[in-house]
Amino acid sequence: MHPDMHLPLHYFHSAELQQRASEFRLCRRPRLSPRQSLRMHLGWALVELGLHVLPNGHALPAPGTPRTA
């Protein structure tokens, strides 16, 4: 194969993969109801809030909490 053919083949294959990926995203995207969407956004907001409340990532259990492990 001529060395100059590798780059055009790469571009062609890359464009084909990008097209297939965009088709896959379009057909696999779940449609969320407004309630589910709100629930998901609220859940992630609570996770983000928890990460801000515990900046070092370590939480101490409340006194008197039984050990689970």
PDB file of N, CA and C in Angstrom:
ATOM      1  N   MET A   1       0.858  -1.177   0.000  1.00  0.00           N
ATOM      2  CA  MET A   1       0.000   0.000   0.000  1.00  0.00           C
ATOM      3  C   MET A   1       0.902   1.238   0.000  1.00  0.00           C
ATOM      4  N   HIS A   2       0.512   2.188  -0.750  1.00  0.00           N
ATOM      5  CA  HIS A   2       1.276   3.431  -0.848  1.00  0.00           C
ATOM      6  C   HIS A   2       1.170   4.186   0.488  1.00  0.00           C
ATOM      7  N   PRO A   3       2.269   4.751   0.995  1.00  0.00           N
ATOM      8  CA  PRO A   3       2.232   5.421   2.298  1.00  0.00           C
ATOM      9  C   PRO A   3       1.242   6.577   2.381  1.00  0.00           C
ATOM     10  N   ASP A   4       0.979   7.249   1.275  1.00  0.00           N
ATOM     11  CA  ASP A   4       0.064   8.379   1.296  1.00  0.00           C
ATOM     12  C   ASP A   4      -1.396   7.960   1.441  1.00  0.00           C
ATOM     13  N   MET A   5      -1.688   6.681   1.329  1.00  0.00           N
ATOM     14  CA  MET A   5      -3.078   6.216   1.424  1.00  0.00           C
ATOM     15  C   MET A   5      -3.536   6.021   2.865  1.00  0.00           C
ATOM     16  N   HIS A   6      -2.618   5.921   3.793  1.00  0.00           N
ATOM     17  CA  HIS A   6      -2.994   5.665   5.183  1.00  0.00           C
ATOM     18  C   HIS A   6      -3.821   6.803   5.768  1.00  0.00           C
ATOM     19  N   LEU A   7      -3.431   8.034   5.515  1.00  0.00           N
ATOM     20  CA  LEU A   7      -4.146   9.177   6.086  1.00  0.00           C
ATOM     21  C   LEU A   7      -5.577   9.302   5.549  1.00  0.00           C
ATOM     22  N   PRO A   8      -5.808   9.222   4.222  1.00  0.00           N
ATOM     23  CA  PRO A   8      -7.202   9.264   3.749  1.00  0.00           C
ATOM     24  C   PRO A   8      -8.050   8.106   4.276  1.00  0.00           C
ATOM     25  N   LEU A   9      -7.451   6.926   4.389  1.00  0.00           N
ATOM     26  CA  LEU A   9      -8.194   5.787   4.944  1.00  0.00           C
ATOM     27  C   LEU A   9      -8.551   6.038   6.405  1.00  0.00           C
ATOM     28  N   HIS A  10      -7.634   6.648   7.142  1.00  0.00           N
ATOM     29  CA  HIS A  10      -7.903   6.979   8.542  1.00  0.00           C
ATOM     30  C   HIS A  10      -9.060   7.971   8.638  1.00  0.00           C
ATOM     31  N   TYR A  11      -9.033   9.019   7.799  1.00  0.00           N
ATOM     32  CA  TYR A  11     -10.115  10.005   7.808  1.00  0.00           C
ATOM     33  C   TYR A  11     -11.458   9.368   7.459  1.00  0.00           C
ATOM     34  N   PHE A  12     -11.450   8.478   6.483  1.00  0.00           N
ATOM     35  CA  PHE A  12     -12.686   7.811   6.080  1.00  0.00           C
ATOM     36  C   PHE A  12     -13.232   6.946   7.215  1.00  0.00           C
ATOM     37  N   HIS A  13     -12.340   6.167   7.831  1.00  0.00           N
ATOM     38  CA  HIS A  13     -12.768   5.300   8.931  1.00  0.00           C
ATOM     39  C   HIS A  13     -13.241   6.120  10.132  1.00  0.00           C
ATOM     40  N   SER A  14     -12.563   7.216  10.428  1.00  0.00           N
ATOM     41  CA  SER A  14     -12.958   8.079  11.539  1.00  0.00           C
ATOM     42  C   SER A  14     -14.340   8.685  11.296  1.00  0.00           C
ATOM     43  N   ALA A  15     -14.584   9.146  10.065  1.00  0.00           N
ATOM     44  CA  ALA A  15     -15.896   9.718   9.748  1.00  0.00           C
ATOM     45  C   ALA A  15     -16.992   8.665   9.856  1.00  0.00           C
ATOM     46  N   GLU A  16     -16.687   7.452   9.426  1.00  0.00           N
ATOM     47  CA  GLU A  16     -17.670   6.368   9.522  1.00  0.00           C
ATOM     48  C   GLU A  16     -17.995   6.045  10.975  1.00  0.00           C
ATOM     49  N   LEU A  17     -16.982   5.989  11.826  1.00  0.00           N
ATOM     50  CA  LEU A  17     -17.208   5.701  13.241  1.00  0.00           C
ATOM     51  C   LEU A  17     -17.996   6.816  13.916  1.00  0.00           C
ATOM     52  N   GLN A  18     -17.700   8.075  13.576  1.00  0.00           N
ATOM     53  CA  GLN A  18     -18.438   9.189  14.158  1.00  0.00           C
ATOM     54  C   GLN A  18     -19.904   9.149  13.736  1.00  0.00           C
ATOM     55  N   GLN A  19     -20.173   8.793  12.492  1.00  0.00           N
ATOM     56  CA  GLN A  19     -21.549   8.685  12.011  1.00  0.00           C
ATOM     57  C   GLN A  19     -22.293   7.580  12.752  1.00  0.00           C
ATOM     58  N   ARG A  20     -21.657   6.437  12.908  1.00  0.00           N
ATOM     59  CA  ARG A  20     -22.301   5.328  13.626  1.00  0.00           C
ATOM     60  C   ARG A  20     -22.551   5.683  15.088  1.00  0.00           C
ATOM     61  N   ALA A  21     -21.611   6.408  15.703  1.00  0.00           N
ATOM     62  CA  ALA A  21     -21.786   6.802  17.101  1.00  0.00           C
ATOM     63  C   ALA A  21     -22.952   7.778  17.247  1.00  0.00           C
ATOM     64  N   SER A  22     -23.079   8.720  16.308  1.00  0.00           N
ATOM     65  CA  SER A  22     -24.193   9.667  16.404  1.00  0.00           C
ATOM     66  C   SER A  22     -25.529   8.963  16.175  1.00  0.00           C
ATOM     67  N   GLU A  23     -25.586   7.999  15.274  1.00  0.00           N
ATOM     68  CA  GLU A  23     -26.815   7.223  15.073  1.00  0.00           C
ATOM     69  C   GLU A  23     -27.156   6.421  16.322  1.00  0.00           C
ATOM     70  N   PHE A  24     -26.135   5.849  16.969  1.00  0.00           N
ATOM     71  CA  PHE A  24     -26.360   5.069  18.180  1.00  0.00           C
ATOM     72  C   PHE A  24     -26.904   5.956  19.291  1.00  0.00           C
ATOM     73  N   ARG A  25     -26.331   7.161  19.438  1.00  0.00           N
ATOM     74  CA  ARG A  25     -26.812   8.070  20.482  1.00  0.00           C
ATOM     75  C   ARG A  25     -28.258   8.477  20.235  1.00  0.00           C
ATOM     76  N   LEU A  26     -28.609   8.673  18.971  1.00  0.00           N
ATOM     77  CA  LEU A  26     -29.977   9.084  18.665  1.00  0.00           C
ATOM     78  C   LEU A  26     -30.982   7.977  18.965  1.00  0.00           C
ATOM     79  N   CYS A  27     -30.630   6.740  18.695  1.00  0.00           N
ATOM     80  CA  CYS A  27     -31.609   5.675  18.882  1.00  0.00           C
ATOM     81  C   CYS A  27     -31.632   5.159  20.312  1.00  0.00           C
ATOM     82  N   ARG A  28     -30.569   5.346  21.086  1.00  0.00           N
ATOM     83  CA  ARG A  28     -30.508   4.784  22.437  1.00  0.00           C
ATOM     84  C   ARG A  28     -30.851   5.788  23.517  1.00  0.00           C
ATOM     85  N   ARG A  29     -31.095   7.042  23.158  1.00  0.00           N
ATOM     86  CA  ARG A  29     -31.371   8.063  24.169  1.00  0.00           C
ATOM     87  C   ARG A  29     -32.756   7.826  24.768  1.00  0.00           C
ATOM     88  N   PRO A  30     -32.820   7.539  26.061  1.00  0.00           N
ATOM     89  CA  PRO A  30     -34.133   7.343  26.681  1.00  0.00           C
ATOM     90  C   PRO A  30     -34.876   8.675  26.817  1.00  0.00           C
ATOM     91  N   ARG A  31     -36.145   8.625  26.611  1.00  0.00           N
ATOM     92  CA  ARG A  31     -36.979   9.820  26.773  1.00  0.00           C
ATOM     93  C   ARG A  31     -37.473   9.857  28.212  1.00  0.00           C
ATOM     94  N   LEU A  32     -37.074  10.874  28.923  1.00  0.00           N
ATOM     95  CA  LEU A  32     -37.473  11.013  30.322  1.00  0.00           C
ATOM     96  C   LEU A  32     -38.686  11.920  30.421  1.00  0.00           C
ATOM     97  N   SER A  33     -39.575  11.542  31.315  1.00  0.00           N
ATOM     98  CA  SER A  33     -40.704  12.412  31.580  1.00  0.00           C
ATOM     99  C   SER A  33     -40.200  13.618  32.376  1.00  0.00           C
ATOM    100  N   PRO A  34     -40.960  14.698  32.415  1.00  0.00           N
ATOM    101  CA  PRO A  34     -40.512  15.862  33.201  1.00  0.00           C
ATOM    102  C   PRO A  34     -40.269  15.511  34.670  1.00  0.00           C
ATOM    103  N   ARG A  35     -41.081  14.610  35.203  1.00  0.00           N
ATOM    104  CA  ARG A  35     -40.906  14.220  36.604  1.00  0.00           C
ATOM    105  C   ARG A  35     -39.596  13.462  36.802  1.00  0.00           C
ATOM    106  N   GLN A  36     -39.283  12.534  35.885  1.00  0.00           N
ATOM    107  CA  GLN A  36     -38.033  11.790  35.998  1.00  0.00           C
ATOM    108  C   GLN A  36     -36.830  12.711  35.836  1.00  0.00           C
ATOM    109  N   SER A  37     -36.943  13.658  34.926  1.00  0.00           N
ATOM    110  CA  SER A  37     -35.847  14.596  34.706  1.00  0.00           C
ATOM    111  C   SER A  37     -35.606  15.444  35.954  1.00  0.00           C
ATOM    112  N   LEU A  38     -36.684  15.935  36.538  1.00  0.00           N
ATOM    113  CA  LEU A  38     -36.566  16.727  37.762  1.00  0.00           C
ATOM    114  C   LEU A  38     -35.957  15.897  38.885  1.00  0.00           C
ATOM    115  N   ARG A  39     -36.385  14.654  38.976  1.00  0.00           N
ATOM    116  CA  ARG A  39     -35.869  13.767  40.012  1.00  0.00           C
ATOM    117  C   ARG A  39     -34.371  13.535  39.843  1.00  0.00           C
ATOM    118  N   MET A  40     -33.951  13.337  38.596  1.00  0.00           N
ATOM    119  CA  MET A  40     -32.541  13.098  38.325  1.00  0.00           C
ATOM    120  C   MET A  40     -31.716  14.346  38.649  1.00  0.00           C
ATOM    121  N   HIS A  41     -32.191  15.514  38.249  1.00  0.00           N
ATOM    122  CA  HIS A  41     -31.457  16.748  38.539  1.00  0.00           C
ATOM    123  C   HIS A  41     -31.399  17.021  40.036  1.00  0.00           C
ATOM    124  N   LEU A  42     -32.470  16.751  40.742  1.00  0.00           N
ATOM    125  CA  LEU A  42     -32.475  16.936  42.186  1.00  0.00           C
ATOM    126  C   LEU A  42     -31.507  15.970  42.860  1.00  0.00           C
ATOM    127  N   GLY A  43     -31.484  14.737  42.389  1.00  0.00           N
ATOM    128  CA  GLY A  43     -30.557  13.754  42.950  1.00  0.00           C
ATOM    129  C   GLY A  43     -29.107  14.168  42.779  1.00  0.00           C
ATOM    130  N   TRP A  44     -28.755  14.627  41.577  1.00  0.00           N
ATOM    131  CA  TRP A  44     -27.377  15.054  41.355  1.00  0.00           C
ATOM    132  C   TRP A  44     -27.055  16.317  42.135  1.00  0.00           C
ATOM    133  N   ALA A  45     -28.042  17.187  42.324  1.00  0.00           N
ATOM    134  CA  ALA A  45     -27.813  18.390  43.134  1.00  0.00           C
ATOM    135  C   ALA A  45     -27.524  17.996  44.581  1.00  0.00           C
ATOM    136  N   LEU A  46     -28.226  16.982  45.088  1.00  0.00           N
ATOM    137  CA  LEU A  46     -27.970  16.523  46.461  1.00  0.00           C
ATOM    138  C   LEU A  46     -26.595  15.880  46.578  1.00  0.00           C
ATOM    139  N   VAL A  47     -26.183  15.146  45.565  1.00  0.00           N
ATOM    140  CA  VAL A  47     -24.841  14.559  45.583  1.00  0.00           C
ATOM    141  C   VAL A  47     -23.792  15.664  45.600  1.00  0.00           C
ATOM    142  N   GLU A  48     -23.979  16.684  44.762  1.00  0.00           N
ATOM    143  CA  GLU A  48     -23.030  17.790  44.728  1.00  0.00           C
ATOM    144  C   GLU A  48     -23.007  18.531  46.067  1.00  0.00           C
ATOM    145  N   LEU A  49     -24.169  18.723  46.660  1.00  0.00           N
ATOM    146  CA  LEU A  49     -24.237  19.376  47.966  1.00  0.00           C
ATOM    147  C   LEU A  49     -23.486  18.552  49.004  1.00  0.00           C
ATOM    148  N   GLY A  50     -23.675  17.252  48.979  1.00  0.00           N
ATOM    149  CA  GLY A  50     -22.958  16.384  49.917  1.00  0.00           C
ATOM    150  C   GLY A  50     -21.455  16.465  49.738  1.00  0.00           C
ATOM    151  N   LEU A  51     -21.000  16.587  48.497  1.00  0.00           N
ATOM    152  CA  LEU A  51     -19.566  16.704  48.261  1.00  0.00           C
ATOM    153  C   LEU A  51     -19.026  18.034  48.762  1.00  0.00           C
ATOM    154  N   HIS A  52     -19.851  19.080  48.748  1.00  0.00           N
ATOM    155  CA  HIS A  52     -19.403  20.375  49.272  1.00  0.00           C
ATOM    156  C   HIS A  52     -19.429  20.392  50.796  1.00  0.00           C
ATOM    157  N   VAL A  53     -20.363  19.676  51.385  1.00  0.00           N
ATOM    158  CA  VAL A  53     -20.466  19.646  52.843  1.00  0.00           C
ATOM    159  C   VAL A  53     -19.290  18.884  53.436  1.00  0.00           C
ATOM    160  N   LEU A  54     -18.863  17.811  52.763  1.00  0.00           N
ATOM    161  CA  LEU A  54     -17.737  17.005  53.240  1.00  0.00           C
ATOM    162  C   LEU A  54     -16.551  17.204  52.295  1.00  0.00           C
ATOM    163  N   PRO A  55     -15.830  18.296  52.426  1.00  0.00           N
ATOM    164  CA  PRO A  55     -14.777  18.589  51.453  1.00  0.00           C
ATOM    165  C   PRO A  55     -13.628  17.598  51.456  1.00  0.00           C
ATOM    166  N   ASN A  56     -13.319  17.003  52.604  1.00  0.00           N
ATOM    167  CA  ASN A  56     -12.201  16.066  52.634  1.00  0.00           C
ATOM    168  C   ASN A  56     -12.638  14.634  52.329  1.00  0.00           C
ATOM    169  N   GLY A  57     -13.925  14.383  52.190  1.00  0.00           N
ATOM    170  CA  GLY A  57     -14.409  13.070  51.808  1.00  0.00           C
ATOM    171  C   GLY A  57     -14.566  12.091  52.956  1.00  0.00           C
ATOM    172  N   HIS A  58     -14.254  12.518  54.161  1.00  0.00           N
ATOM    173  CA  HIS A  58     -14.373  11.609  55.306  1.00  0.00           C
ATOM    174  C   HIS A  58     -15.537  12.041  56.192  1.00  0.00           C
ATOM    175  N   ALA A  59     -16.377  11.101  56.517  1.00  0.00           N
ATOM    176  CA  ALA A  59     -17.520  11.399  57.393  1.00  0.00           C
ATOM    177  C   ALA A  59     -17.399  10.523  58.627  1.00  0.00           C
ATOM    178  N   LEU A  60     -17.638  11.125  59.742  1.00  0.00           N
ATOM    179  CA  LEU A  60     -17.624  10.372  60.989  1.00  0.00           C
ATOM    180  C   LEU A  60     -19.042   9.914  61.315  1.00  0.00           C
ATOM    181  N   PRO A  61     -19.215   8.675  61.748  1.00  0.00           N
ATOM    182  CA  PRO A  61     -20.545   8.227  62.111  1.00  0.00           C
ATOM    183  C   PRO A  61     -21.038   8.929  63.374  1.00  0.00           C
ATOM    184  N   ALA A  62     -22.319   8.993  63.491  1.00  0.00           N
ATOM    185  CA  ALA A  62     -22.914   9.600  64.686  1.00  0.00           C
ATOM    186  C   ALA A  62     -22.593   8.730  65.896  1.00  0.00           C
ATOM    187  N   PRO A  63     -22.489   9.364  67.087  1.00  0.00           N
ATOM    188  CA  PRO A  63     -22.216   8.572  68.299  1.00  0.00           C
ATOM    189  C   PRO A  63     -23.324   7.565  68.532  1.00  0.00           C
ATOM    190  N   GLY A  64     -22.950   6.354  68.886  1.00  0.00           N
ATOM    191  CA  GLY A  64     -23.936   5.325  69.177  1.00  0.00           C
ATOM    192  C   GLY A  64     -24.398   4.579  67.947  1.00  0.00           C
ATOM    193  N   THR A  65     -23.857   4.867  66.801  1.00  0.00           N
ATOM    194  CA  THR A  65     -24.230   4.158  65.582  1.00  0.00           C
ATOM    195  C   THR A  65     -23.566   2.789  65.585  1.00  0.00           C
ATOM    196  N   PRO A  66     -24.352   1.730  65.399  1.00  0.00           N
ATOM    197  CA  PRO A  66     -23.737   0.393  65.408  1.00  0.00           C
ATOM    198  C   PRO A  66     -22.860   0.199  64.179  1.00  0.00           C
ATOM    199  N   ARG A  67     -21.809  -0.580  64.358  1.00  0.00           N
ATOM    200  CA  ARG A  67     -20.918  -0.873  63.234  1.00  0.00           C
ATOM    201  C   ARG A  67     -21.568  -1.895  62.324  1.00  0.00           C
ATOM    202  N   THR A  68     -21.399  -1.716  61.040  1.00  0.00           N
ATOM    203  CA  THR A  68     -22.027  -2.635  60.089  1.00  0.00           C
ATOM    204  C   THR A  68     -21.055  -3.649  59.503  1.00  0.00           C
ATOM    205  N   ALA A  69     -19.770  -3.382  59.638  1.00  0.00           N
ATOM    206  CA  ALA A  69     -18.803  -4.323  59.055  1.00  0.00           C
ATOM    207  C   ALA A  69     -17.709  -4.631  60.047  1.00  0.00           C
TER     208      ALA A  69
END
